[in-house]
Amino acid sequence: MRHEVIQMEVKELLNGEGRPEVVERFHEKTLHIHGTFTATLQVQGVVGAHDEWTDIGSAISAPSIVAVPLAVTRLRIKTTAYTNGTPVAHLGGFDSRTD
């Protein structure tokens, strides 16, 4: 297995939906939210090819680490409240390929 990191897009505006990332190749997925910000973020995922986004866990308003379920195939971050600062999100995962 090989470790990879993807920087997730986080919009700095109310109800901003970050660009979805295809994450199905990762066997294990962990999202790291960090930075200095006053905002509320909601991690959302999809299983399969449809576009019915579902919240993963509780809303985030401070730096956090979130485990992402294995079955999630696409992932995005929605900003549900924003005052200031720059929230940053990185998804780390282990792909299922062998080196």
PDB file of N, CA and C in Angstrom:
ATOM      1  N   MET A   1       0.829  -1.181   0.000  1.00  0.00           N
ATOM      2  CA  MET A   1       0.000   0.000   0.000  1.00  0.00           C
ATOM      3  C   MET A   1       0.881   1.254   0.000  1.00  0.00           C
ATOM      4  N   ARG A   2       0.349   2.309  -0.584  1.00  0.00           N
ATOM      5  CA  ARG A   2       1.092   3.558  -0.666  1.00  0.00           C
ATOM      6  C   ARG A   2       0.231   4.683  -0.089  1.00  0.00           C
ATOM      7  N   HIS A   3       0.848   5.530   0.738  1.00  0.00           N
ATOM      8  CA  HIS A   3       0.152   6.660   1.348  1.00  0.00           C
ATOM      9  C   HIS A   3       0.111   7.836   0.382  1.00  0.00           C
ATOM     10  N   GLU A   4      -1.050   8.481   0.283  1.00  0.00           N
ATOM     11  CA  GLU A   4      -1.206   9.679  -0.545  1.00  0.00           C
ATOM     12  C   GLU A   4      -1.947  10.738   0.254  1.00  0.00           C
ATOM     13  N   VAL A   5      -1.762  12.005  -0.139  1.00  0.00           N
ATOM     14  CA  VAL A   5      -2.457  13.120   0.488  1.00  0.00           C
ATOM     15  C   VAL A   5      -3.065  13.989  -0.607  1.00  0.00           C
ATOM     16  N   ILE A   6      -4.334  14.372  -0.414  1.00  0.00           N
ATOM     17  CA  ILE A   6      -5.034  15.253  -1.345  1.00  0.00           C
ATOM     18  C   ILE A   6      -5.461  16.496  -0.571  1.00  0.00           C
ATOM     19  N   GLN A   7      -5.166  17.687  -1.104  1.00  0.00           N
ATOM     20  CA  GLN A   7      -5.705  18.897  -0.495  1.00  0.00           C
ATOM     21  C   GLN A   7      -7.129  19.077  -0.989  1.00  0.00           C
ATOM     22  N   MET A   8      -8.062  19.127  -0.054  1.00  0.00           N
ATOM     23  CA  MET A   8      -9.472  19.302  -0.371  1.00  0.00           C
ATOM     24  C   MET A   8      -9.772  20.791  -0.484  1.00  0.00           C
ATOM     25  N   GLU A   9     -10.682  21.134  -1.388  1.00  0.00           N
ATOM     26  CA  GLU A   9     -11.087  22.529  -1.521  1.00  0.00           C
ATOM     27  C   GLU A   9     -12.087  22.879  -0.423  1.00  0.00           C
ATOM     28  N   VAL A  10     -11.825  24.003   0.267  1.00  0.00           N
ATOM     29  CA  VAL A  10     -12.745  24.522   1.275  1.00  0.00           C
ATOM     30  C   VAL A  10     -13.101  25.942   0.847  1.00  0.00           C
ATOM     31  N   LYS A  11     -14.386  26.189   0.612  1.00  0.00           N
ATOM     32  CA  LYS A  11     -14.848  27.514   0.196  1.00  0.00           C
ATOM     33  C   LYS A  11     -14.978  28.423   1.418  1.00  0.00           C
ATOM     34  N   GLU A  12     -14.497  29.644   1.283  1.00  0.00           N
ATOM     35  CA  GLU A  12     -14.588  30.617   2.367  1.00  0.00           C
ATOM     36  C   GLU A  12     -15.817  31.497   2.149  1.00  0.00           C
ATOM     37  N   LEU A  13     -16.996  30.851   2.119  1.00  0.00           N
ATOM     38  CA  LEU A  13     -18.258  31.568   1.985  1.00  0.00           C
ATOM     39  C   LEU A  13     -19.393  30.680   2.443  1.00  0.00           C
ATOM     40  N   LEU A  14     -20.465  31.300   2.890  1.00  0.00           N
ATOM     41  CA  LEU A  14     -21.616  30.577   3.402  1.00  0.00           C
ATOM     42  C   LEU A  14     -22.207  29.656   2.340  1.00  0.00           C
ATOM     43  N   ASN A  15     -22.468  28.426   2.716  1.00  0.00           N
ATOM     44  CA  ASN A  15     -23.034  27.395   1.843  1.00  0.00           C
ATOM     45  C   ASN A  15     -22.165  27.097   0.620  1.00  0.00           C
ATOM     46  N   GLY A  16     -20.874  27.361   0.739  1.00  0.00           N
ATOM     47  CA  GLY A  16     -19.945  27.025  -0.341  1.00  0.00           C
ATOM     48  C   GLY A  16     -19.623  25.543  -0.319  1.00  0.00           C
ATOM     49  N   GLU A  17     -19.761  24.914  -1.463  1.00  0.00           N
ATOM     50  CA  GLU A  17     -19.458  23.489  -1.581  1.00  0.00           C
ATOM     51  C   GLU A  17     -18.125  23.326  -2.282  1.00  0.00           C
ATOM     52  N   GLY A  18     -17.168  22.711  -1.603  1.00  0.00           N
ATOM     53  CA  GLY A  18     -15.864  22.472  -2.193  1.00  0.00           C
ATOM     54  C   GLY A  18     -15.943  21.450  -3.315  1.00  0.00           C
ATOM     55  N   ARG A  19     -14.957  21.467  -4.174  1.00  0.00           N
ATOM     56  CA  ARG A  19     -14.879  20.533  -5.305  1.00  0.00           C
ATOM     57  C   ARG A  19     -14.860  19.091  -4.781  1.00  0.00           C
ATOM     58  N   PRO A  20     -15.729  18.245  -5.290  1.00  0.00           N
ATOM     59  CA  PRO A  20     -15.716  16.842  -4.878  1.00  0.00           C
ATOM     60  C   PRO A  20     -14.436  16.147  -5.361  1.00  0.00           C
ATOM     61  N   GLU A  21     -13.926  15.263  -4.540  1.00  0.00           N
ATOM     62  CA  GLU A  21     -12.758  14.461  -4.889  1.00  0.00           C
ATOM     63  C   GLU A  21     -13.160  12.991  -4.925  1.00  0.00           C
ATOM     64  N   VAL A  22     -12.666  12.282  -5.908  1.00  0.00           N
ATOM     65  CA  VAL A  22     -12.889  10.832  -5.996  1.00  0.00           C
ATOM     66  C   VAL A  22     -11.894  10.173  -5.042  1.00  0.00           C
ATOM     67  N   VAL A  23     -12.418   9.438  -4.072  1.00  0.00           N
ATOM     68  CA  VAL A  23     -11.567   8.849  -3.033  1.00  0.00           C
ATOM     69  C   VAL A  23     -11.721   7.331  -2.939  1.00  0.00           C
ATOM     70  N   GLU A  24     -12.407   6.734  -3.905  1.00  0.00           N
ATOM     71  CA  GLU A  24     -12.689   5.298  -3.818  1.00  0.00           C
ATOM     72  C   GLU A  24     -11.429   4.434  -3.877  1.00  0.00           C
ATOM     73  N   ARG A  25     -10.335   4.949  -4.398  1.00  0.00           N
ATOM     74  CA  ARG A  25      -9.113   4.140  -4.487  1.00  0.00           C
ATOM     75  C   ARG A  25      -8.432   3.947  -3.128  1.00  0.00           C
ATOM     76  N   PHE A  26      -8.828   4.760  -2.153  1.00  0.00           N
ATOM     77  CA  PHE A  26      -8.211   4.660  -0.830  1.00  0.00           C
ATOM     78  C   PHE A  26      -8.906   3.620   0.027  1.00  0.00           C
ATOM     79  N   HIS A  27      -8.130   2.700   0.535  1.00  0.00           N
ATOM     80  CA  HIS A  27      -8.657   1.677   1.429  1.00  0.00           C
ATOM     81  C   HIS A  27      -8.968   2.285   2.792  1.00  0.00           C
ATOM     82  N   GLU A  28      -8.076   3.150   3.283  1.00  0.00           N
ATOM     83  CA  GLU A  28      -8.275   3.866   4.541  1.00  0.00           C
ATOM     84  C   GLU A  28      -8.245   5.349   4.231  1.00  0.00           C
ATOM     85  N   LYS A  29      -9.150   6.129   4.861  1.00  0.00           N
ATOM     86  CA  LYS A  29      -9.251   7.555   4.574  1.00  0.00           C
ATOM     87  C   LYS A  29      -9.388   8.332   5.879  1.00  0.00           C
ATOM     88  N   THR A  30      -8.574   9.384   6.034  1.00  0.00           N
ATOM     89  CA  THR A  30      -8.653  10.248   7.197  1.00  0.00           C
ATOM     90  C   THR A  30      -8.543  11.691   6.737  1.00  0.00           C
ATOM     91  N   LEU A  31      -9.443  12.538   7.216  1.00  0.00           N
ATOM     92  CA  LEU A  31      -9.467  13.943   6.842  1.00  0.00           C
ATOM     93  C   LEU A  31      -8.931  14.777   7.998  1.00  0.00           C
ATOM     94  N   HIS A  32      -7.996  15.687   7.693  1.00  0.00           N
ATOM     95  CA  HIS A  32      -7.408  16.574   8.699  1.00  0.00           C
ATOM     96  C   HIS A  32      -7.843  17.996   8.367  1.00  0.00           C
ATOM     97  N   ILE A  33      -8.648  18.598   9.240  1.00  0.00           N
ATOM     98  CA  ILE A  33      -9.080  19.987   9.105  1.00  0.00           C
ATOM     99  C   ILE A  33      -8.190  20.805  10.027  1.00  0.00           C
ATOM    100  N   HIS A  34      -7.561  21.858   9.485  1.00  0.00           N
ATOM    101  CA  HIS A  34      -6.681  22.675  10.319  1.00  0.00           C
ATOM    102  C   HIS A  34      -6.673  24.115   9.817  1.00  0.00           C
ATOM    103  N   GLY A  35      -5.895  24.949  10.470  1.00  0.00           N
ATOM    104  CA  GLY A  35      -5.829  26.366  10.120  1.00  0.00           C
ATOM    105  C   GLY A  35      -6.491  27.204  11.199  1.00  0.00           C
ATOM    106  N   THR A  36      -6.424  28.521  11.003  1.00  0.00           N
ATOM    107  CA  THR A  36      -7.051  29.460  11.919  1.00  0.00           C
ATOM    108  C   THR A  36      -8.299  29.985  11.230  1.00  0.00           C
ATOM    109  N   PHE A  37      -9.464  29.686  11.805  1.00  0.00           N
ATOM    110  CA  PHE A  37     -10.706  30.076  11.151  1.00  0.00           C
ATOM    111  C   PHE A  37     -11.854  30.165  12.149  1.00  0.00           C
ATOM    112  N   THR A  38     -12.835  30.967  11.777  1.00  0.00           N
ATOM    113  CA  THR A  38     -14.122  31.011  12.470  1.00  0.00           C
ATOM    114  C   THR A  38     -15.143  30.633  11.407  1.00  0.00           C
ATOM    115  N   ALA A  39     -15.469  29.360  11.380  1.00  0.00           N
ATOM    116  CA  ALA A  39     -16.358  28.816  10.356  1.00  0.00           C
ATOM    117  C   ALA A  39     -16.879  27.474  10.847  1.00  0.00           C
ATOM    118  N   THR A  40     -17.913  26.996  10.172  1.00  0.00           N
ATOM    119  CA  THR A  40     -18.427  25.666  10.439  1.00  0.00           C
ATOM    120  C   THR A  40     -18.413  24.900   9.123  1.00  0.00           C
ATOM    121  N   LEU A  41     -17.798  23.735   9.158  1.00  0.00           N
ATOM    122  CA  LEU A  41     -17.647  22.902   7.966  1.00  0.00           C
ATOM    123  C   LEU A  41     -18.378  21.586   8.169  1.00  0.00           C
ATOM    124  N   GLN A  42     -18.929  21.080   7.084  1.00  0.00           N
ATOM    125  CA  GLN A  42     -19.580  19.770   7.130  1.00  0.00           C
ATOM    126  C   GLN A  42     -18.956  18.876   6.072  1.00  0.00           C
ATOM    127  N   VAL A  43     -18.393  17.765   6.510  1.00  0.00           N
ATOM    128  CA  VAL A  43     -17.843  16.779   5.587  1.00  0.00           C
ATOM    129  C   VAL A  43     -19.027  16.007   5.008  1.00  0.00           C
ATOM    130  N   GLN A  44     -19.031  15.826   3.680  1.00  0.00           N
ATOM    131  CA  GLN A  44     -20.120  15.113   3.017  1.00  0.00           C
ATOM    132  C   GLN A  44     -19.541  14.058   2.078  1.00  0.00           C
ATOM    133  N   GLY A  45     -20.263  12.973   1.941  1.00  0.00           N
ATOM    134  CA  GLY A  45     -19.806  11.896   1.079  1.00  0.00           C
ATOM    135  C   GLY A  45     -20.923  11.283   0.270  1.00  0.00           C
ATOM    136  N   VAL A  46     -20.502  10.501  -0.713  1.00  0.00           N
ATOM    137  CA  VAL A  46     -21.407   9.772  -1.594  1.00  0.00           C
ATOM    138  C   VAL A  46     -20.868   8.355  -1.716  1.00  0.00           C
ATOM    139  N   VAL A  47     -21.774   7.392  -1.759  1.00  0.00           N
ATOM    140  CA  VAL A  47     -21.417   6.009  -2.051  1.00  0.00           C
ATOM    141  C   VAL A  47     -22.005   5.696  -3.418  1.00  0.00           C
ATOM    142  N   GLY A  48     -21.162   5.407  -4.385  1.00  0.00           N
ATOM    143  CA  GLY A  48     -21.646   5.108  -5.730  1.00  0.00           C
ATOM    144  C   GLY A  48     -21.622   6.332  -6.632  1.00  0.00           C
ATOM    145  N   ALA A  49     -22.385   6.248  -7.717  1.00  0.00           N
ATOM    146  CA  ALA A  49     -22.317   7.267  -8.765  1.00  0.00           C
ATOM    147  C   ALA A  49     -23.352   8.378  -8.642  1.00  0.00           C
ATOM    148  N   HIS A  50     -24.290   8.269  -7.705  1.00  0.00           N
ATOM    149  CA  HIS A  50     -25.339   9.290  -7.613  1.00  0.00           C
ATOM    150  C   HIS A  50     -24.801  10.571  -6.962  1.00  0.00           C
ATOM    151  N   ASP A  51     -25.622  11.620  -6.941  1.00  0.00           N
ATOM    152  CA  ASP A  51     -25.209  12.902  -6.367  1.00  0.00           C
ATOM    153  C   ASP A  51     -26.011  13.261  -5.122  1.00  0.00           C
ATOM    154  N   GLU A  52     -26.407  12.294  -4.355  1.00  0.00           N
ATOM    155  CA  GLU A  52     -27.135  12.540  -3.115  1.00  0.00           C
ATOM    156  C   GLU A  52     -26.134  12.592  -1.968  1.00  0.00           C
ATOM    157  N   TRP A  53     -25.616  13.797  -1.698  1.00  0.00           N
ATOM    158  CA  TRP A  53     -24.586  13.994  -0.687  1.00  0.00           C
ATOM    159  C   TRP A  53     -25.178  13.821   0.704  1.00  0.00           C
ATOM    160  N   THR A  54     -24.426  13.137   1.565  1.00  0.00           N
ATOM    161  CA  THR A  54     -24.855  12.857   2.927  1.00  0.00           C
ATOM    162  C   THR A  54     -23.770  13.316   3.896  1.00  0.00           C
ATOM    163  N   ASP A  55     -24.195  13.918   5.009  1.00  0.00           N
ATOM    164  CA  ASP A  55     -23.240  14.381   6.018  1.00  0.00           C
ATOM    165  C   ASP A  55     -22.508  13.201   6.643  1.00  0.00           C
ATOM    166  N   ILE A  56     -21.228  13.401   6.897  1.00  0.00           N
ATOM    167  CA  ILE A  56     -20.412  12.419   7.606  1.00  0.00           C
ATOM    168  C   ILE A  56     -20.049  13.048   8.946  1.00  0.00           C
ATOM    169  N   GLY A  57     -20.545  12.488  10.019  1.00  0.00           N
ATOM    170  CA  GLY A  57     -20.257  13.012  11.348  1.00  0.00           C
ATOM    171  C   GLY A  57     -20.902  14.361  11.607  1.00  0.00           C
ATOM    172  N   SER A  58     -20.487  14.980  12.696  1.00  0.00           N
ATOM    173  CA  SER A  58     -21.008  16.284  13.108  1.00  0.00           C
ATOM    174  C   SER A  58     -20.293  17.410  12.381  1.00  0.00           C
ATOM    175  N   ALA A  59     -20.904  18.590  12.391  1.00  0.00           N
ATOM    176  CA  ALA A  59     -20.270  19.777  11.818  1.00  0.00           C
ATOM    177  C   ALA A  59     -18.988  20.092  12.598  1.00  0.00           C
ATOM    178  N   ILE A  60     -18.026  20.687  11.910  1.00  0.00           N
ATOM    179  CA  ILE A  60     -16.705  20.959  12.479  1.00  0.00           C
ATOM    180  C   ILE A  60     -16.494  22.462  12.570  1.00  0.00           C
ATOM    181  N   SER A  61     -16.116  22.955  13.758  1.00  0.00           N
ATOM    182  CA  SER A  61     -15.853  24.376  13.922  1.00  0.00           C
ATOM    183  C   SER A  61     -14.483  24.643  14.541  1.00  0.00           C
ATOM    184  N   ALA A  62     -13.649  23.620  14.611  1.00  0.00           N
ATOM    185  CA  ALA A  62     -12.285  23.738  15.139  1.00  0.00           C
ATOM    186  C   ALA A  62     -11.423  22.679  14.452  1.00  0.00           C
ATOM    187  N   PRO A  63     -10.102  22.843  14.490  1.00  0.00           N
ATOM    188  CA  PRO A  63      -9.241  21.824  13.885  1.00  0.00           C
ATOM    189  C   PRO A  63      -9.615  20.424  14.387  1.00  0.00           C
ATOM    190  N   SER A  64      -9.681  19.484  13.450  1.00  0.00           N
ATOM    191  CA  SER A  64     -10.170  18.140  13.769  1.00  0.00           C
ATOM    192  C   SER A  64      -9.557  17.106  12.834  1.00  0.00           C
ATOM    193  N   ILE A  65      -9.662  15.859  13.261  1.00  0.00           N
ATOM    194  CA  ILE A  65      -9.326  14.725  12.406  1.00  0.00           C
ATOM    195  C   ILE A  65     -10.573  13.855  12.332  1.00  0.00           C
ATOM    196  N   VAL A  66     -10.984  13.514  11.106  1.00  0.00           N
ATOM    197  CA  VAL A  66     -12.225  12.784  10.881  1.00  0.00           C
ATOM    198  C   VAL A  66     -11.926  11.504  10.093  1.00  0.00           C
ATOM    199  N   ALA A  67     -12.355  10.370  10.628  1.00  0.00           N
ATOM    200  CA  ALA A  67     -12.240   9.114   9.887  1.00  0.00           C
ATOM    201  C   ALA A  67     -13.373   9.065   8.866  1.00  0.00           C
ATOM    202  N   VAL A  68     -13.032   8.728   7.632  1.00  0.00           N
ATOM    203  CA  VAL A  68     -14.017   8.659   6.550  1.00  0.00           C
ATOM    204  C   VAL A  68     -14.328   7.187   6.291  1.00  0.00           C
ATOM    205  N   PRO A  69     -15.616   6.823   6.252  1.00  0.00           N
ATOM    206  CA  PRO A  69     -15.974   5.421   6.027  1.00  0.00           C
ATOM    207  C   PRO A  69     -15.394   4.864   4.718  1.00  0.00           C
ATOM    208  N   LEU A  70     -15.025   3.603   4.752  1.00  0.00           N
ATOM    209  CA  LEU A  70     -14.410   2.924   3.614  1.00  0.00           C
ATOM    210  C   LEU A  70     -15.257   2.993   2.354  1.00  0.00           C
ATOM    211  N   ALA A  71     -16.562   2.861   2.469  1.00  0.00           N
ATOM    212  CA  ALA A  71     -17.436   2.775   1.300  1.00  0.00           C
ATOM    213  C   ALA A  71     -17.625   4.097   0.560  1.00  0.00           C
ATOM    214  N   VAL A  72     -17.210   5.230   1.144  1.00  0.00           N
ATOM    215  CA  VAL A  72     -17.382   6.537   0.493  1.00  0.00           C
ATOM    216  C   VAL A  72     -16.536   6.583  -0.785  1.00  0.00           C
ATOM    217  N   THR A  73     -17.174   6.937  -1.899  1.00  0.00           N
ATOM    218  CA  THR A  73     -16.461   6.993  -3.183  1.00  0.00           C
ATOM    219  C   THR A  73     -16.080   8.407  -3.588  1.00  0.00           C
ATOM    220  N   ARG A  74     -16.875   9.398  -3.154  1.00  0.00           N
ATOM    221  CA  ARG A  74     -16.542  10.809  -3.399  1.00  0.00           C
ATOM    222  C   ARG A  74     -16.741  11.584  -2.103  1.00  0.00           C
ATOM    223  N   LEU A  75     -15.942  12.641  -1.940  1.00  0.00           N
ATOM    224  CA  LEU A  75     -15.927  13.397  -0.703  1.00  0.00           C
ATOM    225  C   LEU A  75     -15.849  14.879  -1.027  1.00  0.00           C
ATOM    226  N   ARG A  76     -16.545  15.704  -0.232  1.00  0.00           N
ATOM    227  CA  ARG A  76     -16.441  17.155  -0.363  1.00  0.00           C
ATOM    228  C   ARG A  76     -16.636  17.779   1.012  1.00  0.00           C
ATOM    229  N   ILE A  77     -16.328  19.075   1.082  1.00  0.00           N
ATOM    230  CA  ILE A  77     -16.528  19.828   2.315  1.00  0.00           C
ATOM    231  C   ILE A  77     -17.442  21.002   1.998  1.00  0.00           C
ATOM    232  N   LYS A  78     -18.512  21.124   2.785  1.00  0.00           N
ATOM    233  CA  LYS A  78     -19.457  22.227   2.616  1.00  0.00           C
ATOM    234  C   LYS A  78     -19.277  23.191   3.785  1.00  0.00           C
ATOM    235  N   THR A  79     -19.148  24.472   3.483  1.00  0.00           N
ATOM    236  CA  THR A  79     -19.036  25.501   4.512  1.00  0.00           C
ATOM    237  C   THR A  79     -20.451  25.950   4.868  1.00  0.00           C
ATOM    238  N   THR A  80     -20.885  25.643   6.092  1.00  0.00           N
ATOM    239  CA  THR A  80     -22.250  25.970   6.486  1.00  0.00           C
ATOM    240  C   THR A  80     -22.342  27.292   7.245  1.00  0.00           C
ATOM    241  N   ALA A  81     -21.215  27.816   7.697  1.00  0.00           N
ATOM    242  CA  ALA A  81     -21.139  29.144   8.320  1.00  0.00           C
ATOM    243  C   ALA A  81     -19.713  29.637   8.122  1.00  0.00           C
ATOM    244  N   TYR A  82     -19.563  30.934   7.855  1.00  0.00           N
ATOM    245  CA  TYR A  82     -18.217  31.479   7.647  1.00  0.00           C
ATOM    246  C   TYR A  82     -18.160  32.917   8.148  1.00  0.00           C
ATOM    247  N   THR A  83     -17.157  33.203   8.986  1.00  0.00           N
ATOM    248  CA  THR A  83     -16.916  34.561   9.456  1.00  0.00           C
ATOM    249  C   THR A  83     -15.576  35.062   8.946  1.00  0.00           C
ATOM    250  N   ASN A  84     -14.501  34.300   9.221  1.00  0.00           N
ATOM    251  CA  ASN A  84     -13.178  34.705   8.738  1.00  0.00           C
ATOM    252  C   ASN A  84     -12.181  33.559   8.864  1.00  0.00           C
ATOM    253  N   GLY A  85     -10.978  33.820   8.378  1.00  0.00           N
ATOM    254  CA  GLY A  85      -9.894  32.852   8.469  1.00  0.00           C
ATOM    255  C   GLY A  85      -9.797  31.952   7.253  1.00  0.00           C
ATOM    256  N   THR A  86      -8.879  30.992   7.377  1.00  0.00           N
ATOM    257  CA  THR A  86      -8.622  30.083   6.262  1.00  0.00           C
ATOM    258  C   THR A  86      -8.613  28.640   6.743  1.00  0.00           C
ATOM    259  N   PRO A  87      -9.759  27.964   6.652  1.00  0.00           N
ATOM    260  CA  PRO A  87      -9.753  26.543   6.976  1.00  0.00           C
ATOM    261  C   PRO A  87      -9.064  25.754   5.856  1.00  0.00           C
ATOM    262  N   VAL A  88      -8.283  24.774   6.242  1.00  0.00           N
ATOM    263  CA  VAL A  88      -7.546  23.945   5.288  1.00  0.00           C
ATOM    264  C   VAL A  88      -7.897  22.490   5.579  1.00  0.00           C
ATOM    265  N   ALA A  89      -8.018  21.698   4.532  1.00  0.00           N
ATOM    266  CA  ALA A  89      -8.343  20.284   4.721  1.00  0.00           C
ATOM    267  C   ALA A  89      -7.460  19.418   3.830  1.00  0.00           C
ATOM    268  N   HIS A  90      -6.894  18.378   4.425  1.00  0.00           N
ATOM    269  CA  HIS A  90      -6.104  17.392   3.690  1.00  0.00           C
ATOM    270  C   HIS A  90      -6.677  16.010   3.967  1.00  0.00           C
ATOM    271  N   LEU A  91      -6.873  15.247   2.912  1.00  0.00           N
ATOM    272  CA  LEU A  91      -7.295  13.865   3.042  1.00  0.00           C
ATOM    273  C   LEU A  91      -6.066  12.987   2.875  1.00  0.00           C
ATOM    274  N   GLY A  92      -5.822  12.163   3.855  1.00  0.00           N
ATOM    275  CA  GLY A  92      -4.736  11.198   3.768  1.00  0.00           C
ATOM    276  C   GLY A  92      -5.322   9.814   3.641  1.00  0.00           C
ATOM    277  N   GLY A  93      -4.725   8.994   2.795  1.00  0.00           N
ATOM    278  CA  GLY A  93      -5.257   7.656   2.632  1.00  0.00           C
ATOM    279  C   GLY A  93      -4.215   6.702   2.112  1.00  0.00           C
ATOM    280  N   PHE A  94      -4.513   5.436   2.251  1.00  0.00           N
ATOM    281  CA  PHE A  94      -3.662   4.388   1.718  1.00  0.00           C
ATOM    282  C   PHE A  94      -4.397   3.754   0.556  1.00  0.00           C
ATOM    283  N   ASP A  95      -3.776   3.813  -0.617  1.00  0.00           N
ATOM    284  CA  ASP A  95      -4.447   3.202  -1.763  1.00  0.00           C
ATOM    285  C   ASP A  95      -4.275   1.695  -1.703  1.00  0.00           C
ATOM    286  N   SER A  96      -5.059   0.998  -2.490  1.00  0.00           N
ATOM    287  CA  SER A  96      -5.052  -0.467  -2.422  1.00  0.00           C
ATOM    288  C   SER A  96      -4.036  -1.093  -3.363  1.00  0.00           C
ATOM    289  N   ARG A  97      -3.308  -0.239  -4.102  1.00  0.00           N
ATOM    290  CA  ARG A  97      -2.285  -0.777  -5.005  1.00  0.00           C
ATOM    291  C   ARG A  97      -1.054  -1.207  -4.228  1.00  0.00           C
ATOM    292  N   THR A  98      -0.315  -2.108  -4.754  1.00  0.00           N
ATOM    293  CA  THR A  98       0.944  -2.495  -4.131  1.00  0.00           C
ATOM    294  C   THR A  98       2.075  -1.849  -4.900  1.00  0.00           C
ATOM    295  N   ASP A  99       3.134  -1.489  -4.193  1.00  0.00           N
ATOM    296  CA  ASP A  99       4.294  -0.866  -4.841  1.00  0.00           C
ATOM    297  C   ASP A  99       5.261  -1.913  -5.347  1.00  0.00           C
TER     298      ASP A  99
END
